[in-house]
Protein backbone atom coordinates (compact mmCIF):
# COMPACT_ATOMS: atom_id res chain seq x y z
CA UNK A 1 -10.75 -19.84 -12.15
CA UNK A 2 -10.67 -19.37 -8.39
CA UNK A 3 -11.05 -15.76 -7.27
CA UNK A 4 -9.21 -16.41 -3.99
CA UNK A 5 -6.04 -17.35 -5.87
CA UNK A 6 -5.87 -14.08 -7.84
CA UNK A 7 -7.02 -11.36 -5.41
CA UNK A 8 -6.45 -10.37 -1.78
CA UNK A 9 -8.53 -8.25 0.55
CA UNK A 10 -7.48 -4.97 2.10
CA UNK A 11 -6.64 -6.74 5.38
CA UNK A 12 -4.50 -9.39 3.71
CA UNK A 13 -2.64 -6.68 1.79
CA UNK A 14 -2.01 -4.87 5.07
CA UNK A 15 -0.35 -7.94 6.56
CA UNK A 16 1.81 -8.38 3.46
CA UNK A 17 3.04 -4.77 3.59
CA UNK A 18 3.16 -4.60 7.39
CA UNK A 19 0.85 -1.61 7.75
CA UNK A 20 -2.63 -0.87 9.10
CA UNK A 21 -5.62 -1.62 6.82
CA UNK A 22 -6.55 2.08 6.79
CA UNK A 23 -3.14 2.81 5.27
CA UNK A 24 -4.02 0.43 2.45
CA UNK A 25 -7.30 2.28 2.00
CA UNK A 26 -5.44 5.61 1.74
CA UNK A 27 -3.11 4.12 -0.87
CA UNK A 28 -6.11 2.89 -2.86
CA UNK A 29 -7.89 6.27 -2.67
CA UNK A 30 -4.75 8.12 -3.74
CA UNK A 31 -4.35 5.83 -6.75
CA UNK A 32 -0.98 4.43 -5.74
CA UNK A 33 -2.36 0.91 -5.32
CA UNK A 34 -4.82 -0.31 -7.96
CA UNK A 35 -7.92 -2.06 -6.60
CA UNK A 36 -11.56 -2.79 -7.42
CA UNK A 37 -14.47 -2.30 -5.05
CA UNK A 38 -16.83 -5.26 -5.31
CA UNK A 39 -19.70 -5.85 -2.88
CA UNK A 40 -18.44 -3.11 -0.55
CA UNK A 41 -14.96 -4.69 -0.31
CA UNK A 42 -11.68 -3.65 -1.84
CA UNK A 43 -10.05 -6.44 -3.84
CA UNK A 44 -6.43 -6.10 -4.93
CA UNK A 45 -4.77 -8.26 -7.55
CA UNK A 46 -1.88 -10.30 -6.13
CA UNK A 47 0.34 -9.36 -9.06
CA UNK A 48 -0.31 -5.65 -8.52
CA UNK A 49 0.38 -6.00 -4.79
CA UNK A 50 3.67 -7.80 -5.36
CA UNK A 51 4.82 -5.11 -7.83
CA UNK A 52 3.79 -2.38 -5.38
CA UNK A 53 5.51 -4.10 -2.43
CA UNK A 54 8.88 -3.94 -4.18
CA UNK A 55 8.97 -0.14 -4.14
CA UNK A 56 6.87 0.60 -1.03
CA UNK A 57 8.57 2.10 2.04
CA UNK A 58 6.43 1.63 5.15
CA UNK A 59 8.20 4.24 7.29
CA UNK A 60 6.01 6.83 8.98
CA UNK A 61 6.05 10.53 8.33
CA UNK A 62 8.08 12.74 6.09
CA UNK A 63 11.63 11.62 5.18
CA UNK A 64 14.26 13.20 7.39
CA UNK A 65 16.52 15.70 5.73
CA UNK A 66 19.73 16.74 7.38
CA UNK A 67 19.81 20.48 7.96
CA UNK A 68 22.64 22.40 6.44
CA UNK A 69 23.82 25.15 8.73
CA UNK A 70 26.05 27.84 7.37
CA UNK A 71 28.60 29.76 9.36
CA UNK A 72 28.82 33.47 8.83
């Protein structure tokens, strides 16, 4: 079994999702993206990354909500 065919690093995951590697680290710390820390490196299963990539939205900031103004 080749480890390189089943896991990706934090940097490779960042290129797949199109975000900065520190964003991947935040996702790992928050528990949204499962990963294992081995030898001071975060390793992410390719299957878990592909499942996460389906639902991930890489937009920045809080979602915009249209304000509802009322006339009095």
